[in-house]
Amino acid sequence: MHSCSQRILEITSMGVSAVLVGVLVIVATSFIPLMHQSPPPASMPVISTFNMSISPLMQLPVPIMYAQDMDPPPLRDRIHPSFTIRADFTPAWDWNTKAIYVSFIARYRTRHHVLNEVTLLDTILRSREEAGHYNLENAIKYPLEDAGVDTLAGVVVNVVMRYQVLRYFGYSPVYEISPSGKGEAVAFQLPRSYTQVQRRQQ
């Protein structure tokens, strides 16, 4: 018969071995996605419909709390994009998927900044059922705005869809694809003229 101390030692060694094997598996799965800069074709979402529209370009005063005692508050450029999309993200969903974070990113250049990157809309798909029916109809969430006047007029904006597969274990890869489902980013030019907004009289 084995003594009690020997049994405790064996159980402890088995537990430590199991933990080490688990750590090695997590580390291994973390390095595998690094070999893929773009999503594997078999796991790309299927986009059946995509449409994007924009509001008129406006010049709005900065909120009082951010105006730093400037009276009247300075103006800033703002536009509201809306999205219509129907997509199936189940090809990207597997046994190790906890959720999928989807966002639409706008990239543009101005005379003040070489490159700007702004999130226009984001969603978390928390189940395989939600991933299979990702439907948005004229959805609006975040505005595209820039400090200063005449910073967005006539600017060319490129929109990409970025999604991150959030894993239970290991590395959570981030991919970027065209929201149209083909080609590169969707590009559009902002209006050159503004819709005037009257300042509120004090």
C-alpha atoms as a PDB file:
ATOM      1  CA  MET A   1       0.000   0.000   0.000  1.00  0.00           C
ATOM      2  CA  HIS A   2       1.061   3.545  -0.678  1.00  0.00           C
ATOM      3  CA  SER A   3       1.407   5.924   2.172  1.00  0.00           C
ATOM      4  CA  CYS A   4      -0.796   9.004   2.432  1.00  0.00           C
ATOM      5  CA  SER A   5       2.111  11.317   1.611  1.00  0.00           C
ATOM      6  CA  GLN A   6       2.883   9.388  -1.590  1.00  0.00           C
ATOM      7  CA  ARG A   7      -0.729   9.635  -2.748  1.00  0.00           C
ATOM      8  CA  ILE A   8      -0.827  13.370  -2.054  1.00  0.00           C
ATOM      9  CA  LEU A   9       2.421  13.791  -3.998  1.00  0.00           C
ATOM     10  CA  GLU A  10       1.054  11.834  -6.972  1.00  0.00           C
ATOM     11  CA  ILE A  11      -2.192  13.821  -7.041  1.00  0.00           C
ATOM     12  CA  THR A  12      -0.262  17.092  -6.785  1.00  0.00           C
ATOM     13  CA  SER A  13       2.092  16.123  -9.611  1.00  0.00           C
ATOM     14  CA  MET A  14      -0.859  15.134 -11.818  1.00  0.00           C
ATOM     15  CA  GLY A  15      -2.560  18.450 -11.121  1.00  0.00           C
ATOM     16  CA  VAL A  16       0.586  20.434 -11.908  1.00  0.00           C
ATOM     17  CA  SER A  17       1.086  18.445 -15.119  1.00  0.00           C
ATOM     18  CA  ALA A  18      -2.495  19.138 -16.219  1.00  0.00           C
ATOM     19  CA  VAL A  19      -2.062  22.859 -15.572  1.00  0.00           C
ATOM     20  CA  LEU A  20       1.207  22.938 -17.535  1.00  0.00           C
ATOM     21  CA  VAL A  21      -0.388  21.118 -20.474  1.00  0.00           C
ATOM     22  CA  GLY A  22      -3.262  23.617 -20.445  1.00  0.00           C
ATOM     23  CA  VAL A  23      -0.840  26.539 -20.439  1.00  0.00           C
ATOM     24  CA  LEU A  24       1.091  25.043 -23.369  1.00  0.00           C
ATOM     25  CA  VAL A  25      -2.141  24.592 -25.355  1.00  0.00           C
ATOM     26  CA  ILE A  26      -3.145  28.221 -24.723  1.00  0.00           C
ATOM     27  CA  VAL A  27       0.300  29.489 -25.747  1.00  0.00           C
ATOM     28  CA  ALA A  28       0.259  27.337 -28.892  1.00  0.00           C
ATOM     29  CA  THR A  29      -3.180  28.605 -29.951  1.00  0.00           C
ATOM     30  CA  SER A  30      -1.979  32.165 -29.382  1.00  0.00           C
ATOM     31  CA  PHE A  31       0.779  31.862 -31.969  1.00  0.00           C
ATOM     32  CA  ILE A  32      -1.181  30.046 -34.678  1.00  0.00           C
ATOM     33  CA  PRO A  33      -3.372  33.057 -35.721  1.00  0.00           C
ATOM     34  CA  LEU A  34      -0.280  35.248 -36.049  1.00  0.00           C
ATOM     35  CA  MET A  35       0.486  33.423 -39.292  1.00  0.00           C
ATOM     36  CA  HIS A  36      -2.736  34.788 -40.834  1.00  0.00           C
ATOM     37  CA  GLN A  37      -2.867  38.494 -41.668  1.00  0.00           C
ATOM     38  CA  SER A  38      -6.284  38.092 -43.277  1.00  0.00           C
ATOM     39  CA  PRO A  39      -9.138  35.799 -42.233  1.00  0.00           C
ATOM     40  CA  PRO A  40      -9.038  32.285 -43.711  1.00  0.00           C
ATOM     41  CA  PRO A  41     -11.551  32.094 -46.594  1.00  0.00           C
ATOM     42  CA  ALA A  42     -13.528  29.358 -44.851  1.00  0.00           C
ATOM     43  CA  SER A  43     -14.106  31.550 -41.769  1.00  0.00           C
ATOM     44  CA  MET A  44     -14.975  34.846 -43.463  1.00  0.00           C
ATOM     45  CA  PRO A  45     -18.419  36.308 -42.752  1.00  0.00           C
ATOM     46  CA  VAL A  46     -20.899  36.224 -45.618  1.00  0.00           C
ATOM     47  CA  ILE A  47     -22.196  39.737 -46.408  1.00  0.00           C
ATOM     48  CA  SER A  48     -25.348  39.767 -48.517  1.00  0.00           C
ATOM     49  CA  THR A  49     -26.351  43.446 -48.225  1.00  0.00           C
ATOM     50  CA  PHE A  50     -24.469  46.634 -47.421  1.00  0.00           C
ATOM     51  CA  ASN A  51     -25.515  50.240 -47.811  1.00  0.00           C
ATOM     52  CA  MET A  52     -24.301  53.422 -46.187  1.00  0.00           C
ATOM     53  CA  SER A  53     -25.771  56.910 -46.206  1.00  0.00           C
ATOM     54  CA  ILE A  54     -24.685  60.170 -44.609  1.00  0.00           C
ATOM     55  CA  SER A  55     -26.432  63.201 -43.188  1.00  0.00           C
ATOM     56  CA  PRO A  56     -25.703  66.735 -44.402  1.00  0.00           C
ATOM     57  CA  LEU A  57     -22.392  68.161 -43.217  1.00  0.00           C
ATOM     58  CA  MET A  58     -22.968  70.489 -40.267  1.00  0.00           C
ATOM     59  CA  GLN A  59     -21.007  72.956 -38.176  1.00  0.00           C
ATOM     60  CA  LEU A  60     -22.109  72.639 -34.563  1.00  0.00           C
ATOM     61  CA  PRO A  61     -20.912  74.450 -31.442  1.00  0.00           C
ATOM     62  CA  VAL A  62     -18.821  72.482 -28.995  1.00  0.00           C
ATOM     63  CA  PRO A  63     -20.825  71.580 -25.840  1.00  0.00           C
ATOM     64  CA  ILE A  64     -20.447  74.155 -23.082  1.00  0.00           C
ATOM     65  CA  MET A  65     -18.705  71.693 -20.769  1.00  0.00           C
ATOM     66  CA  TYR A  66     -15.915  71.231 -23.350  1.00  0.00           C
ATOM     67  CA  ALA A  67     -15.710  74.838 -24.513  1.00  0.00           C
ATOM     68  CA  GLN A  68     -13.288  75.861 -21.722  1.00  0.00           C
ATOM     69  CA  ASP A  69     -15.117  79.122 -20.966  1.00  0.00           C
ATOM     70  CA  MET A  70     -15.029  80.266 -24.596  1.00  0.00           C
ATOM     71  CA  ASP A  71     -18.083  82.349 -25.451  1.00  0.00           C
ATOM     72  CA  PRO A  72     -19.504  81.663 -27.926  1.00  0.00           C
ATOM     73  CA  PRO A  73     -18.292  78.031 -28.037  1.00  0.00           C
ATOM     74  CA  PRO A  74     -16.139  77.183 -31.070  1.00  0.00           C
ATOM     75  CA  LEU A  75     -17.596  75.242 -33.977  1.00  0.00           C
ATOM     76  CA  ARG A  76     -16.725  71.736 -35.118  1.00  0.00           C
ATOM     77  CA  ASP A  77     -17.599  69.714 -38.203  1.00  0.00           C
ATOM     78  CA  ARG A  78     -20.002  66.820 -37.790  1.00  0.00           C
ATOM     79  CA  ILE A  79     -21.758  64.281 -39.981  1.00  0.00           C
ATOM     80  CA  HIS A  80     -23.937  61.284 -39.065  1.00  0.00           C
ATOM     81  CA  PRO A  81     -23.457  58.078 -41.097  1.00  0.00           C
ATOM     82  CA  SER A  82     -26.079  55.313 -41.107  1.00  0.00           C
ATOM     83  CA  PHE A  83     -25.586  51.655 -42.016  1.00  0.00           C
ATOM     84  CA  THR A  84     -27.738  48.931 -43.492  1.00  0.00           C
ATOM     85  CA  ILE A  85     -26.127  45.498 -43.507  1.00  0.00           C
ATOM     86  CA  ARG A  86     -27.125  41.850 -43.548  1.00  0.00           C
ATOM     87  CA  ALA A  87     -24.351  39.404 -42.778  1.00  0.00           C
ATOM     88  CA  ASP A  88     -23.744  35.894 -41.479  1.00  0.00           C
ATOM     89  CA  PHE A  89     -20.837  35.549 -39.039  1.00  0.00           C
ATOM     90  CA  THR A  90     -21.338  31.856 -38.248  1.00  0.00           C
ATOM     91  CA  PRO A  91     -18.349  30.835 -40.444  1.00  0.00           C
ATOM     92  CA  ALA A  92     -16.152  32.731 -37.952  1.00  0.00           C
ATOM     93  CA  TRP A  93     -17.798  31.049 -34.937  1.00  0.00           C
ATOM     94  CA  ASP A  94     -16.302  27.849 -33.510  1.00  0.00           C
ATOM     95  CA  TRP A  95     -16.195  25.914 -30.222  1.00  0.00           C
ATOM     96  CA  ASN A  96     -13.692  28.378 -28.708  1.00  0.00           C
ATOM     97  CA  THR A  97     -15.678  31.538 -29.540  1.00  0.00           C
ATOM     98  CA  LYS A  98     -17.194  33.537 -26.690  1.00  0.00           C
ATOM     99  CA  ALA A  99     -18.382  36.511 -28.763  1.00  0.00           C
ATOM    100  CA  ILE A 100     -17.562  38.495 -31.907  1.00  0.00           C
ATOM    101  CA  TYR A 101     -16.970  42.243 -31.723  1.00  0.00           C
ATOM    102  CA  VAL A 102     -17.904  43.995 -34.979  1.00  0.00           C
ATOM    103  CA  SER A 103     -17.139  47.642 -35.748  1.00  0.00           C
ATOM    104  CA  PHE A 104     -17.150  49.990 -38.722  1.00  0.00           C
ATOM    105  CA  ILE A 105     -14.017  52.142 -38.888  1.00  0.00           C
ATOM    106  CA  ALA A 106     -13.627  55.378 -40.856  1.00  0.00           C
ATOM    107  CA  ARG A 107     -10.157  56.502 -41.940  1.00  0.00           C
ATOM    108  CA  TYR A 108      -9.471  59.907 -43.430  1.00  0.00           C
ATOM    109  CA  ARG A 109      -6.771  62.546 -43.753  1.00  0.00           C
ATOM    110  CA  THR A 110      -7.001  66.271 -43.043  1.00  0.00           C
ATOM    111  CA  ARG A 111      -4.594  69.164 -43.292  1.00  0.00           C
ATOM    112  CA  HIS A 112      -4.144  69.019 -39.509  1.00  0.00           C
ATOM    113  CA  HIS A 113      -3.659  65.269 -39.044  1.00  0.00           C
ATOM    114  CA  VAL A 114      -1.977  62.760 -41.325  1.00  0.00           C
ATOM    115  CA  LEU A 115      -4.383  59.947 -40.456  1.00  0.00           C
ATOM    116  CA  ASN A 116      -7.575  59.829 -38.415  1.00  0.00           C
ATOM    117  CA  GLU A 117      -9.358  56.621 -37.389  1.00  0.00           C
ATOM    118  CA  VAL A 118     -12.868  56.820 -35.951  1.00  0.00           C
ATOM    119  CA  THR A 119     -15.344  54.136 -34.861  1.00  0.00           C
ATOM    120  CA  LEU A 120     -18.736  54.856 -36.427  1.00  0.00           C
ATOM    121  CA  LEU A 121     -20.710  51.868 -35.154  1.00  0.00           C
ATOM    122  CA  ASP A 122     -19.975  48.768 -33.085  1.00  0.00           C
ATOM    123  CA  THR A 123     -21.840  45.653 -31.977  1.00  0.00           C
ATOM    124  CA  ILE A 124     -21.117  42.578 -29.856  1.00  0.00           C
ATOM    125  CA  LEU A 125     -22.521  39.288 -31.170  1.00  0.00           C
ATOM    126  CA  ARG A 126     -22.904  37.165 -28.031  1.00  0.00           C
ATOM    127  CA  SER A 127     -24.232  33.896 -29.488  1.00  0.00           C
ATOM    128  CA  ARG A 128     -24.062  31.803 -32.621  1.00  0.00           C
ATOM    129  CA  GLU A 129     -27.692  32.710 -33.326  1.00  0.00           C
ATOM    130  CA  GLU A 130     -26.918  36.440 -33.203  1.00  0.00           C
ATOM    131  CA  ALA A 131     -23.867  35.876 -35.398  1.00  0.00           C
ATOM    132  CA  GLY A 132     -26.024  34.119 -37.980  1.00  0.00           C
ATOM    133  CA  HIS A 133     -28.444  37.042 -38.273  1.00  0.00           C
ATOM    134  CA  TYR A 134     -26.455  40.273 -38.104  1.00  0.00           C
ATOM    135  CA  ASN A 135     -29.015  42.698 -39.507  1.00  0.00           C
ATOM    136  CA  LEU A 136     -28.922  46.485 -39.222  1.00  0.00           C
ATOM    137  CA  GLU A 137     -31.372  48.863 -40.874  1.00  0.00           C
ATOM    138  CA  ASN A 138     -30.300  52.520 -41.137  1.00  0.00           C
ATOM    139  CA  ALA A 139     -28.403  52.151 -37.862  1.00  0.00           C
ATOM    140  CA  ILE A 140     -26.754  55.260 -36.393  1.00  0.00           C
ATOM    141  CA  LYS A 141     -24.501  55.214 -33.335  1.00  0.00           C
ATOM    142  CA  TYR A 142     -21.474  57.533 -33.353  1.00  0.00           C
ATOM    143  CA  PRO A 143     -21.028  60.734 -35.384  1.00  0.00           C
ATOM    144  CA  LEU A 144     -18.009  61.504 -37.500  1.00  0.00           C
ATOM    145  CA  GLU A 145     -16.764  64.814 -36.152  1.00  0.00           C
ATOM    146  CA  ASP A 146     -13.566  66.813 -36.231  1.00  0.00           C
ATOM    147  CA  ALA A 147     -12.426  69.791 -34.196  1.00  0.00           C
ATOM    148  CA  GLY A 148     -12.188  73.030 -36.084  1.00  0.00           C
ATOM    149  CA  VAL A 149     -13.982  74.538 -39.054  1.00  0.00           C
ATOM    150  CA  ASP A 150     -13.732  73.339 -42.665  1.00  0.00           C
ATOM    151  CA  THR A 151     -11.805  70.229 -41.630  1.00  0.00           C
ATOM    152  CA  LEU A 152     -14.199  67.634 -43.084  1.00  0.00           C
ATOM    153  CA  ALA A 153     -15.531  69.440 -46.158  1.00  0.00           C
ATOM    154  CA  GLY A 154     -14.669  67.458 -49.290  1.00  0.00           C
ATOM    155  CA  VAL A 155     -12.632  64.878 -47.366  1.00  0.00           C
ATOM    156  CA  VAL A 156     -12.450  61.328 -48.763  1.00  0.00           C
ATOM    157  CA  VAL A 157     -13.355  58.741 -46.106  1.00  0.00           C
ATOM    158  CA  ASN A 158     -12.532  55.027 -46.309  1.00  0.00           C
ATOM    159  CA  VAL A 159     -14.727  52.651 -44.301  1.00  0.00           C
ATOM    160  CA  VAL A 160     -13.687  49.134 -43.307  1.00  0.00           C
ATOM    161  CA  MET A 161     -15.402  46.502 -41.191  1.00  0.00           C
ATOM    162  CA  ARG A 162     -13.239  45.230 -38.353  1.00  0.00           C
ATOM    163  CA  TYR A 163     -14.183  42.174 -36.336  1.00  0.00           C
ATOM    164  CA  GLN A 164     -12.489  40.415 -33.450  1.00  0.00           C
ATOM    165  CA  VAL A 165     -13.226  36.807 -32.560  1.00  0.00           C
ATOM    166  CA  LEU A 166     -13.177  36.810 -28.747  1.00  0.00           C
ATOM    167  CA  ARG A 167     -11.903  33.447 -27.520  1.00  0.00           C
ATOM    168  CA  TYR A 168     -12.433  31.562 -24.289  1.00  0.00           C
ATOM    169  CA  PHE A 169      -8.798  30.478 -24.515  1.00  0.00           C
ATOM    170  CA  GLY A 170      -5.824  31.843 -26.403  1.00  0.00           C
ATOM    171  CA  TYR A 171      -5.315  34.723 -28.792  1.00  0.00           C
ATOM    172  CA  SER A 172      -8.346  36.668 -30.067  1.00  0.00           C
ATOM    173  CA  PRO A 173      -7.581  37.561 -33.711  1.00  0.00           C
ATOM    174  CA  VAL A 174      -8.639  40.868 -35.256  1.00  0.00           C
ATOM    175  CA  TYR A 175      -9.492  41.015 -38.967  1.00  0.00           C
ATOM    176  CA  GLU A 176     -10.416  43.816 -41.360  1.00  0.00           C
ATOM    177  CA  ILE A 177     -12.472  43.312 -44.490  1.00  0.00           C
ATOM    178  CA  SER A 178     -14.465  45.459 -46.869  1.00  0.00           C
ATOM    179  CA  PRO A 179     -18.023  45.960 -45.567  1.00  0.00           C
ATOM    180  CA  SER A 180     -19.261  45.313 -49.095  1.00  0.00           C
ATOM    181  CA  GLY A 181     -17.769  41.824 -48.890  1.00  0.00           C
ATOM    182  CA  LYS A 182     -15.422  42.313 -51.825  1.00  0.00           C
ATOM    183  CA  GLY A 183     -12.449  44.445 -52.731  1.00  0.00           C
ATOM    184  CA  GLU A 184     -10.928  47.118 -50.540  1.00  0.00           C
ATOM    185  CA  ALA A 185     -12.427  49.683 -48.188  1.00  0.00           C
ATOM    186  CA  VAL A 186     -15.607  51.485 -49.200  1.00  0.00           C
ATOM    187  CA  ALA A 187     -14.651  55.067 -50.107  1.00  0.00           C
ATOM    188  CA  PHE A 188     -16.903  58.117 -50.284  1.00  0.00           C
ATOM    189  CA  GLN A 189     -16.403  61.876 -50.343  1.00  0.00           C
ATOM    190  CA  LEU A 190     -18.018  64.178 -47.804  1.00  0.00           C
ATOM    191  CA  PRO A 191     -20.018  67.197 -49.020  1.00  0.00           C
ATOM    192  CA  ARG A 192     -18.127  70.411 -49.676  1.00  0.00           C
ATOM    193  CA  SER A 193     -20.949  72.650 -48.453  1.00  0.00           C
ATOM    194  CA  TYR A 194     -22.442  72.904 -44.980  1.00  0.00           C
ATOM    195  CA  THR A 195     -25.952  72.886 -43.598  1.00  0.00           C
ATOM    196  CA  GLN A 196     -26.107  75.936 -41.374  1.00  0.00           C
ATOM    197  CA  VAL A 197     -27.197  75.497 -37.769  1.00  0.00           C
ATOM    198  CA  GLN A 198     -28.309  78.592 -35.937  1.00  0.00           C
ATOM    199  CA  ARG A 199     -26.632  79.338 -32.631  1.00  0.00           C
ATOM    200  CA  ARG A 200     -28.953  79.358 -29.667  1.00  0.00           C
ATOM    201  CA  GLN A 201     -29.604  82.847 -28.390  1.00  0.00           C
ATOM    202  CA  GLN A 202     -28.589  83.417 -24.766  1.00  0.00           C
END
